[in-house]
Each structure stands twice: as C-alpha cells, then as structure tokens.
C-alpha cells in the first residue's frame, strides 16, 4: 500500500478530485487530502475525510506537535495536486510556503504530479507557461489539461483531465518513480506517435460479425503514456468502448481493411508506430447482403480470404527514422516456446520491436495488468510485468532507444 498525498486547490474542478480520491482508495492506497483554504469553498472537509478514511490536514498550525508541514511530504510515496490552479502553479514555481500544501510540495522527496485546471486564457498566459516550464525543469510532472467544456459556456484547453487518466498516470509513477524524469522532460515532445488499439470485426451479414477479445486497454495505455510525455498522438481504435485519453486524437475503425487504410495514412509521417490492435487474419470473401437464416439442421459454410497484413506492410513502408512496434498475443506451451514464436514473428513481420505476451486461457485481455517480453533482432530488450501503464512506458523507452538519430539531427 502506497501513501498518496492528494492536494486540492481552489477551482470548480475540485469535485472531480473526489472521484480521483475514490479511485486511489479502491486501488488500495492510503490517501491523505491536503486542501487549500479556497478548495474548501468547493468541497468541504467532511467529504474529504469520509472518502479517504483519514483526517484532513488544512493548516500549518493544526496538529503542530506532528509537524505536518514537513512530515506529510517526507512520508508520501506520491504527491498529486488536482486541480492545480494558476495561483497554485505560480506559488509552487516560486517556492512559496504560505499554506500547508505549498509546504508539502517543498518537503516532498517523492514524485510530484500536478494536474492544471483553469480557463483557457489563464492556461495560455505567458506567466503560467513560464511557471509550468520552471516546475518541469525541476522534475515536477505537469499533466497537460484536457480540451473541452469549462465553467459556463466556455470551451478550450484548461479542463481537468478525467480522473481515470490522472489515476493511470499516477499509478505509473508509483510503480516506477523513474518515469517521472521522462514525463517532466516531455521526452517525446515534437514527435508523432501513432497507436492502434482494440479488435477488428469482420462482417458475416448486416448484423453478425467475427471478432476477438481485445479490449484496447494496452493500446490506449501506450497512447496515454505518449501524450503525457509530450508527443502528438493519434489512436486508431477498432471497436473500443473505453474513452480516449486526454490529449489523444482518435480515428475509429471497424474492420481490418478499415484499420489498414487508417494506419497507412496516419503512419506516413510518424516517428513511432505501435500496432497494439488485434486485426483479423481472415475475413469472409463475400459477406451476405441480408441476415443469414437457419435452414433446418444444416450448418453454415463460409469462404474466407486473408486480410491485409497491416504490421508487415507498415514495416515494409517504414521511412527513415521511424520505429515500428508490433504485438504478438500467443498461446505457448512454455516460456521458451513463447520466445521462439516471438522470434519467428519478428523476422516475418520486419518490425524493429515486438511486444510478446502469452494469452493462454484468456488471460491478459481486458485485465488491468499484464506481463510482456519486448524483443528486437538482437534478442530480449526487456521483461516487464505490472500495470499496462508501466508496460506502456517500457515500450516507449524501447522505441526511443531504437530510434535512429536522423530526425534529431535535422
């Protein structure tokens, strides 16, 4: 169980922090809430105490014998500030310590995640941009706000990202504090990452299809991680019911043919292409134009044809400087059999990296955690187990290490 300090500053989005707090608590973490005085104008102390199961700390001089302004930061495994207002960002960037939350930020030796929420004009103001740059230069992870409906009729960048997106980023920091440096540095800024996610559907008739069990969680985790690290991210989603992460542009598709068309178009100028979707290998040669009916005790015979090999085609079209990452969900007899299947697929597909996992018995599909082996032509790059957020960052790290320097030199 990790200790999370949840700082809440005074913005209307404070109500969403209640949902974030519940997600942290349900995941088994011990959460202590430190609201600013203005935050308590939006959500009261009783609510924070009830949801966290812990006393709420509101002032430097409360429980002075416990020295909370030092102890809370020292004992935390992660500090999350959501929402972080323009005022809070300014005070944190200049090292102010005029309330308990800013004291905690100065004493924290753990990763710090700040999630801004404010009106668009405030977010885009040069002062705010300078404060964000200062915080990031010190290793603070500042999440980009979402673009959407704000208070009243306004709309634009500045909306607090959804609690699920914040939670996934936070859990990645807890699992691997080293990720904080990459997030703070936004090491994918200026790069385009194209990710596919989900499972394709091949029509049998107007109402039936052949599909698979891919949920799209892994692909969306890669998209979320890439966006958090500063990349322009396009997610080509095949029948995914999960919401898109903040900062990710979605291109929905249905069939393998649709997936191929979208991926070929989007990947043409991408720096990293991650084929996490599960496309069908075969599709009915001639889908029925009308609903197929039962006819006595007779079965159904369907003539199938092979679909486009999207991964192999992407690898064959790869421009200089681009890294193509494939996925292989295999059912293997044992670990060595799994590696052999992966080596064969890597050679056959021609991609630089292959993310290999064992889905025997239906495991992994739809789960929050997974276990993978990342392969290159030189052998095993990494073995990673944990949340899909952790695996996503490991995949991006491997892709960055495999990226030639041509584009950086331009």
Protein backbone atom coordinates (compact mmCIF):
# COMPACT_ATOMS: atom_id res chain seq x y z
CA UNK A 1 0.00 0.00 0.00
CA UNK A 2 1.38 3.39 -1.02
CA UNK A 3 0.88 6.70 0.75
CA UNK A 4 -0.52 9.36 -1.57
CA UNK A 5 -0.94 12.99 -0.60
CA UNK A 6 -3.76 14.48 -2.65
CA UNK A 7 -3.50 18.25 -2.79
CA UNK A 8 -6.59 20.14 -3.90
CA UNK A 9 -6.51 23.81 -4.81
CA UNK A 10 -9.44 26.19 -5.18
CA UNK A 11 -11.08 25.55 -8.53
CA UNK A 12 -14.50 24.33 -9.59
CA UNK A 13 -12.87 21.08 -10.78
CA UNK A 14 -12.28 20.17 -7.12
CA UNK A 15 -15.38 17.99 -7.30
CA UNK A 16 -13.56 15.71 -9.76
CA UNK A 17 -10.83 15.22 -7.16
CA UNK A 18 -13.44 13.36 -5.10
CA UNK A 19 -13.70 10.80 -7.90
CA UNK A 20 -9.92 10.59 -8.13
CA UNK A 21 -9.68 10.05 -4.38
CA UNK A 22 -12.14 7.18 -4.62
CA UNK A 23 -10.13 5.55 -7.42
CA UNK A 24 -6.96 5.74 -5.35
CA UNK A 25 -8.71 4.33 -2.28
CA UNK A 26 -10.33 1.49 -4.23
CA UNK A 27 -6.91 0.58 -5.61
CA UNK A 28 -5.75 0.07 -2.02
CA UNK A 29 -3.71 3.23 -1.47
CA UNK A 30 -3.63 5.26 1.74
CA UNK A 31 -4.66 8.79 0.77
CA UNK A 32 -4.26 11.94 2.83
CA UNK A 33 -6.04 15.02 1.49
CA UNK A 34 -4.49 18.48 1.85
CA UNK A 35 -6.95 21.08 0.52
CA UNK A 36 -6.19 24.77 0.33
CA UNK A 37 -8.47 27.22 2.09
CA UNK A 38 -10.11 28.13 -1.22
CA UNK A 39 -10.62 24.45 -2.11
CA UNK A 40 -12.81 24.09 0.97
CA UNK A 41 -15.18 26.64 -0.59
CA UNK A 42 -15.96 23.99 -3.25
CA UNK A 43 -15.76 20.70 -1.32
CA UNK A 44 -15.95 20.53 2.45
CA UNK A 45 -13.58 18.88 4.90
CA UNK A 46 -16.17 16.26 5.88
CA UNK A 47 -16.35 14.93 2.31
CA UNK A 48 -12.59 14.52 2.07
CA UNK A 49 -12.42 12.75 5.44
CA UNK A 50 -15.29 10.39 4.61
CA UNK A 51 -13.87 9.41 1.20
CA UNK A 52 -10.27 8.97 2.38
CA UNK A 53 -10.90 7.47 5.82
CA UNK A 54 -8.15 9.78 7.13
CA UNK A 55 -8.09 13.10 8.96
CA UNK A 56 -7.91 16.07 6.60
CA UNK A 57 -4.97 18.45 7.01
CA UNK A 58 -5.84 22.06 6.32
CA UNK A 59 -3.33 24.29 8.08
CA UNK A 60 0.31 24.59 9.03
CA UNK A 61 -0.60 25.14 12.69
CA UNK A 62 -3.10 22.29 13.01
CA UNK A 63 -1.69 19.29 14.92
CA UNK A 64 1.53 21.26 15.29
CA UNK A 65 3.08 18.61 17.52
CA UNK A 66 3.15 16.27 14.48
CA UNK A 67 4.91 18.89 12.33
CA UNK A 68 2.60 18.18 9.37
CA UNK A 69 4.21 20.71 7.03
CA UNK A 70 7.34 18.53 6.99
CA UNK A 71 6.04 15.06 7.88
CA UNK A 72 3.40 14.78 5.14
CA UNK A 73 5.82 15.45 2.32
CA UNK A 74 8.54 13.22 3.76
CA UNK A 75 6.21 10.24 4.28
CA UNK A 76 4.50 10.40 0.88
CA UNK A 77 5.24 7.98 -1.94
CA UNK A 78 3.50 10.33 -4.36
CA UNK A 79 2.03 13.83 -4.22
CA UNK A 80 -0.79 14.62 -6.64
CA UNK A 81 -2.28 18.11 -6.92
CA UNK A 82 -5.60 18.06 -8.75
CA UNK A 83 -6.82 20.55 -9.64
CA UNK A 84 -3.75 22.77 -9.70
CA UNK A 85 -4.91 26.34 -10.28
CA UNK A 86 -2.86 29.08 -11.92
CA UNK A 87 -2.26 30.55 -8.46
CA UNK A 88 -1.03 27.23 -7.05
CA UNK A 89 1.31 26.71 -10.01
CA UNK A 90 2.71 30.21 -9.50
CA UNK A 91 3.28 29.72 -5.79
CA UNK A 92 4.89 26.31 -6.32
CA UNK A 93 7.18 27.62 -9.08
CA UNK A 94 8.46 30.46 -6.92
CA UNK A 95 8.96 28.26 -3.85
CA UNK A 96 6.29 29.93 -1.72
CA UNK A 97 5.36 28.21 1.54
CA UNK A 98 2.35 30.24 2.61
CA UNK A 99 -0.02 27.32 3.29
CA UNK A 100 0.20 23.63 4.16
CA UNK A 101 0.02 22.38 0.56
CA UNK A 102 2.94 24.50 -0.66
CA UNK A 103 4.95 23.38 2.40
CA UNK A 104 4.26 19.76 1.45
CA UNK A 105 5.47 20.43 -2.09
CA UNK A 106 8.74 21.84 -0.76
CA UNK A 107 9.39 18.89 1.54
CA UNK A 108 8.32 16.03 -0.73
CA UNK A 109 11.15 13.72 -1.76
CA UNK A 110 8.85 11.60 -3.93
CA UNK A 111 7.44 12.18 -7.44
CA UNK A 112 5.06 15.13 -7.70
CA UNK A 113 2.23 15.19 -10.24
CA UNK A 114 0.38 18.46 -10.83
CA UNK A 115 -2.81 18.49 -12.88
CA UNK A 116 -3.74 22.02 -14.00
CA UNK A 117 -7.33 23.18 -14.43
CA UNK A 118 -8.27 26.76 -15.31
CA UNK A 119 -9.77 28.89 -18.04
CA UNK A 120 -8.04 28.80 -21.40
CA UNK A 121 -6.73 32.36 -21.21
CA UNK A 122 -5.10 31.62 -17.87
CA UNK A 123 -3.53 28.38 -19.11
CA UNK A 124 -2.13 30.05 -22.23
CA UNK A 125 -0.87 33.16 -20.42
CA UNK A 126 2.94 33.57 -20.67
CA UNK A 127 3.22 33.68 -16.88
CA UNK A 128 1.51 30.32 -16.48
CA UNK A 129 3.55 28.79 -19.32
CA UNK A 130 6.76 30.02 -17.65
CA UNK A 131 5.69 28.60 -14.28
CA UNK A 132 4.93 25.22 -15.86
CA UNK A 133 8.32 25.21 -17.61
CA UNK A 134 10.06 26.02 -14.32
CA UNK A 135 8.29 23.20 -12.49
CA UNK A 136 9.09 20.70 -15.21
CA UNK A 137 12.74 21.75 -15.20
CA UNK A 138 12.81 20.76 -11.52
CA UNK A 139 11.39 17.30 -12.23
CA UNK A 140 7.75 18.00 -11.40
CA UNK A 141 5.34 16.15 -13.69
CA UNK A 142 2.79 18.66 -15.01
CA UNK A 143 -0.01 16.96 -16.91
CA UNK A 144 -1.46 18.79 -19.90
CA UNK A 145 -5.07 19.83 -19.29
CA UNK A 146 -7.83 18.46 -21.47
CA UNK A 147 -9.56 20.44 -24.20
CA UNK A 148 -13.28 20.72 -23.61
CA UNK A 149 -16.13 22.36 -21.75
CA UNK A 150 -15.06 24.69 -18.95
CA UNK A 151 -17.08 26.59 -16.38
CA UNK A 152 -20.13 28.15 -18.01
CA UNK A 153 -20.36 28.16 -21.81
CA UNK A 154 -16.59 28.41 -22.39
CA UNK A 155 -14.68 25.63 -24.11
CA UNK A 156 -10.98 25.11 -24.79
CA UNK A 157 -7.76 23.80 -23.24
CA UNK A 158 -7.79 24.05 -19.46
CA UNK A 159 -10.30 21.39 -18.45
CA UNK A 160 -9.20 18.93 -15.76
CA UNK A 161 -8.46 15.55 -17.39
CA UNK A 162 -10.76 12.70 -16.44
CA UNK A 163 -9.97 11.09 -13.07
CA UNK A 164 -9.22 7.75 -14.76
CA UNK A 165 -6.48 9.36 -16.87
CA UNK A 166 -4.95 11.03 -13.82
CA UNK A 167 -5.09 7.76 -11.87
CA UNK A 168 -3.32 5.81 -14.62
CA UNK A 169 -0.53 8.37 -14.85
CA UNK A 170 -0.21 8.41 -11.05
CA UNK A 171 -0.09 4.62 -10.81
CA UNK A 172 2.69 4.57 -13.38
CA UNK A 173 4.70 6.97 -11.21
CA UNK A 174 4.12 4.82 -8.13
CA UNK A 175 5.21 1.65 -9.90
CA UNK A 176 8.31 3.24 -11.44
CA UNK A 177 9.39 6.59 -9.96
CA UNK A 178 12.00 6.81 -12.73
CA UNK A 179 9.18 7.55 -15.17
CA UNK A 180 8.86 10.97 -13.54
CA UNK A 181 12.02 12.25 -15.20
CA UNK A 182 10.78 11.28 -18.67
CA UNK A 183 7.37 12.81 -18.03
CA UNK A 184 8.80 16.02 -16.61
CA UNK A 185 11.24 16.33 -19.52
CA UNK A 186 8.46 15.50 -22.02
CA UNK A 187 10.98 13.45 -23.93
CA UNK A 188 8.57 12.76 -26.80
CA UNK A 189 7.80 16.44 -27.48
CA UNK A 190 7.93 17.20 -31.19
CA UNK A 191 7.36 13.56 -32.16
CA UNK A 192 4.30 11.92 -33.66
CA UNK A 193 3.19 8.58 -32.25
CA UNK A 194 0.51 6.51 -33.96
CA UNK A 195 -1.05 3.69 -31.94
CA UNK A 196 -3.68 1.15 -32.92
CA UNK A 197 -5.93 -0.39 -30.27
CA UNK A 198 -8.79 -2.84 -29.98
CA UNK A 199 -10.02 -5.72 -32.10
CA UNK A 200 -11.40 -5.67 -35.63
CA UNK A 201 -14.78 -7.04 -36.70
CA UNK A 202 -15.35 -8.82 -39.99
CA UNK A 203 -18.95 -8.81 -41.19
CA UNK A 204 -20.75 -12.10 -41.87
CA UNK A 205 -24.02 -10.35 -42.66
CA UNK A 206 -25.57 -6.97 -41.72
CA UNK A 207 -25.97 -7.95 -38.05
CA UNK A 208 -23.27 -10.54 -37.31
CA UNK A 209 -19.51 -10.37 -37.31
CA UNK A 210 -16.38 -12.29 -36.40
CA UNK A 211 -14.22 -10.57 -33.79
CA UNK A 212 -11.82 -11.13 -30.92
CA UNK A 213 -11.46 -10.34 -27.22
CA UNK A 214 -9.07 -7.39 -27.44
CA UNK A 215 -10.29 -4.58 -25.17
CA UNK A 216 -7.93 -1.89 -26.45
CA UNK A 217 -6.58 -1.19 -22.95
CA UNK A 218 -2.95 -1.79 -23.87
CA UNK A 219 -3.06 0.41 -26.95
CA UNK A 220 -4.80 3.20 -25.07
CA UNK A 221 -2.24 2.90 -22.26
CA UNK A 222 0.54 3.46 -24.81
CA UNK A 223 -1.37 6.41 -26.28
CA UNK A 224 -1.90 7.92 -22.82
CA UNK A 225 1.76 7.50 -21.87
CA UNK A 226 2.98 9.01 -25.15
CA UNK A 227 0.70 12.03 -24.78
CA UNK A 228 1.88 12.55 -21.20
CA UNK A 229 5.46 12.54 -22.47
CA UNK A 230 4.67 15.32 -24.93
CA UNK A 231 4.01 13.50 -28.21
CA UNK A 232 1.35 14.26 -30.78
CA UNK A 233 -0.68 11.07 -30.52
CA UNK A 234 -3.14 9.51 -32.96
CA UNK A 235 -5.03 6.44 -31.75
CA UNK A 236 -6.66 4.29 -34.43
CA UNK A 237 -9.29 2.45 -32.40
CA UNK A 238 -11.06 -0.69 -33.57
CA UNK A 239 -14.35 -1.17 -31.70
CA UNK A 240 -13.05 0.21 -28.40
CA UNK A 241 -15.68 1.19 -25.83
CA UNK A 242 -13.21 2.88 -23.46
CA UNK A 243 -12.86 6.68 -23.62
CA UNK A 244 -9.86 8.20 -25.35
CA UNK A 245 -7.17 9.52 -23.02
CA UNK A 246 -6.78 13.28 -22.73
CA UNK A 247 -4.62 14.80 -25.45
CA UNK A 248 -5.13 11.90 -27.88
CA UNK A 249 -6.84 12.22 -31.27
CA UNK A 250 -8.97 9.22 -32.17
CA UNK A 251 -9.64 7.62 -35.56
CA UNK A 252 -12.35 4.95 -35.13
CA UNK A 253 -12.40 1.93 -37.47
CA UNK A 254 -14.30 -1.36 -37.68
CA UNK A 255 -12.71 -3.95 -39.97
CA UNK A 256 -9.14 -4.93 -40.74
CA UNK A 257 -9.46 -3.21 -44.11
CA UNK A 258 -10.50 -0.02 -42.29
CA UNK A 259 -7.61 -0.41 -39.87
CA UNK A 260 -5.12 -0.84 -42.69
CA UNK A 261 -6.34 2.25 -44.54
CA UNK A 262 -6.24 4.42 -41.41
CA UNK A 263 -2.85 3.18 -40.22
CA UNK A 264 -1.20 3.59 -43.62
CA UNK A 265 -2.45 7.17 -43.81
CA UNK A 266 -1.55 8.17 -40.24
CA UNK A 267 1.81 6.38 -40.06
CA UNK A 268 3.28 8.01 -43.16
CA UNK A 269 4.90 10.83 -41.16
CA UNK A 270 5.04 9.22 -37.70
CA UNK A 271 8.17 8.80 -35.62
CA UNK A 272 6.86 5.78 -33.70
CA UNK A 273 4.13 3.38 -34.81
CA UNK A 274 2.70 0.93 -32.28
CA UNK A 275 0.45 -1.80 -33.68
CA UNK A 276 -1.31 -2.90 -30.49
CA UNK A 277 -4.64 -3.69 -32.17
CA UNK A 278 -5.67 -7.29 -32.85
CA UNK A 279 -6.65 -7.44 -36.54
CA UNK A 280 -8.38 -10.45 -38.04
CA UNK A 281 -6.22 -12.67 -40.23
CA UNK A 282 -9.21 -13.76 -42.31
CA UNK A 283 -12.45 -12.16 -43.48
CA UNK A 284 -15.49 -13.58 -45.28
CA UNK A 285 -14.87 -13.40 -49.01
CA UNK A 286 -18.45 -12.29 -49.70
CA UNK A 287 -20.49 -11.17 -46.68
CA UNK A 288 -24.21 -11.83 -47.01
CA UNK A 289 -26.23 -8.79 -48.03
CA UNK A 290 -29.13 -9.98 -45.86
CA UNK A 291 -29.36 -11.62 -42.46
CA UNK A 292 -28.43 -15.31 -42.61
CA UNK A 293 -31.29 -17.61 -41.59
CA UNK A 294 -31.29 -21.04 -40.05
CA UNK A 295 -32.26 -23.73 -42.52
CA UNK A 296 -33.33 -26.92 -40.83
CA UNK A 297 -30.39 -28.74 -39.28
CA UNK A 298 -27.89 -27.56 -41.83
CA UNK A 299 -24.74 -25.77 -40.75
CA UNK A 300 -23.11 -22.78 -42.33
CA UNK A 301 -20.16 -22.77 -44.68
CA UNK A 302 -18.21 -19.53 -45.07
CA UNK A 303 -15.49 -18.91 -47.63
CA UNK A 304 -12.70 -16.86 -46.08
CA UNK A 305 -9.89 -14.87 -47.62
CA UNK A 306 -6.78 -13.44 -45.97
CA UNK A 307 -6.81 -9.85 -44.82
CA UNK A 308 -4.07 -7.30 -45.36
CA UNK A 309 -1.06 -7.90 -43.11
CA UNK A 310 -1.10 -4.43 -41.57
CA UNK A 311 2.04 -4.78 -39.43
CA UNK A 312 4.18 -6.29 -42.16
CA UNK A 313 3.05 -3.65 -44.64
CA UNK A 314 3.79 -0.84 -42.18
CA UNK A 315 7.26 -2.26 -41.54
CA UNK A 316 7.89 -2.56 -45.29
CA UNK A 317 6.86 1.05 -45.89
CA UNK A 318 8.80 2.43 -42.92
CA UNK A 319 10.53 5.73 -43.74
CA UNK A 320 13.99 6.51 -42.41
CA UNK A 321 13.98 7.25 -38.70
CA UNK A 322 10.66 5.57 -37.96
CA UNK A 323 10.32 2.75 -35.44
CA UNK A 324 7.53 0.19 -35.88
CA UNK A 325 6.46 -1.81 -32.84
CA UNK A 326 4.38 -4.94 -33.26
CA UNK A 327 2.44 -7.07 -30.79
CA UNK A 328 2.14 -10.83 -30.61
CA UNK A 329 -0.52 -12.40 -28.41
CA UNK A 330 0.38 -16.08 -28.41
CA UNK A 331 -0.73 -19.30 -26.75
CA UNK A 332 2.52 -21.06 -25.91
CA UNK A 333 3.48 -24.31 -24.17
CA UNK A 334 6.11 -22.57 -22.02
CA UNK A 335 8.41 -19.56 -21.85
CA UNK A 336 10.91 -20.82 -24.40
CA UNK A 337 8.13 -21.72 -26.82
CA UNK A 338 6.77 -18.20 -26.41
CA UNK A 339 10.16 -16.67 -27.23
CA UNK A 340 10.55 -18.89 -30.28
CA UNK A 341 7.12 -17.85 -31.57
CA UNK A 342 8.11 -14.23 -30.98
CA UNK A 343 11.43 -14.53 -32.81
CA UNK A 344 9.71 -16.11 -35.80
CA UNK A 345 7.06 -13.39 -35.93
CA UNK A 346 9.60 -10.59 -35.55
CA UNK A 347 11.56 -11.90 -38.53
CA UNK A 348 8.41 -12.48 -40.57
CA UNK A 349 6.89 -9.07 -39.93
CA UNK A 350 10.06 -7.00 -40.27
CA UNK A 351 9.34 -4.58 -37.43
CA UNK A 352 12.11 -3.35 -35.12
CA UNK A 353 10.40 -4.33 -31.87
CA UNK A 354 7.85 -6.96 -30.91
CA UNK A 355 5.87 -6.94 -27.66
CA UNK A 356 5.18 -10.55 -26.80
CA UNK A 357 2.68 -11.93 -24.31
CA UNK A 358 1.03 -15.23 -23.51
CA UNK A 359 -2.77 -15.14 -23.70
CA UNK A 360 -3.36 -18.80 -22.92
CA UNK A 361 -6.67 -19.33 -21.16
CA UNK A 362 -7.90 -15.86 -22.00
CA UNK A 363 -5.55 -14.08 -19.59
CA UNK A 364 -4.37 -10.52 -20.27
CA UNK A 365 -7.34 -9.50 -22.47
CA UNK A 366 -9.23 -6.79 -20.59
CA UNK A 367 -7.06 -7.05 -17.48
CA UNK A 368 -5.54 -4.04 -15.75
CA UNK A 369 -2.10 -5.68 -15.56
CA UNK A 370 -0.03 -7.74 -17.94
CA UNK A 371 3.36 -9.35 -18.41
CA UNK A 372 5.35 -8.94 -21.63
CA UNK A 373 8.69 -9.55 -23.25
CA UNK A 374 9.99 -6.87 -25.64
CA UNK A 375 12.07 -8.38 -28.43
CA UNK A 376 14.38 -6.93 -31.04
CA UNK A 377 16.50 -8.64 -33.66
CA UNK A 378 19.33 -8.66 -31.09
CA UNK A 379 17.26 -10.53 -28.50
CA UNK A 380 15.28 -9.67 -25.39
CA UNK A 381 15.18 -5.92 -24.76
CA UNK A 382 13.12 -6.04 -21.57
CA UNK A 383 10.83 -8.20 -19.48
CA UNK A 384 8.08 -6.13 -17.88
CA UNK A 385 5.27 -7.07 -15.51
CA UNK A 386 2.76 -4.77 -13.91
CA UNK A 387 0.05 -2.33 -14.85
CA UNK A 388 -0.45 -1.58 -18.51
CA UNK A 389 0.70 1.96 -17.76
CA UNK A 390 4.08 0.61 -16.62
CA UNK A 391 4.31 -1.63 -19.68
CA UNK A 392 3.37 1.30 -21.94
CA UNK A 393 6.28 3.40 -20.70
CA UNK A 394 8.66 0.47 -21.13
CA UNK A 395 7.52 0.08 -24.74
CA UNK A 396 8.07 3.78 -25.42
CA UNK A 397 11.51 3.64 -23.76
CA UNK A 398 12.47 0.73 -26.03
CA UNK A 399 11.17 2.58 -29.08
CA UNK A 400 13.16 5.69 -28.19
CA UNK A 401 16.32 3.65 -27.74
CA UNK A 402 15.72 2.03 -31.12
CA UNK A 403 15.08 5.34 -32.89
CA UNK A 404 17.95 6.37 -35.22
CA UNK A 405 19.33 9.86 -34.79
CA UNK A 406 18.48 11.05 -38.30
CA UNK A 407 15.39 13.02 -37.28
CA UNK A 408 17.06 14.61 -34.27
CA UNK A 409 19.86 15.84 -36.50
CA UNK A 410 17.54 17.62 -38.88
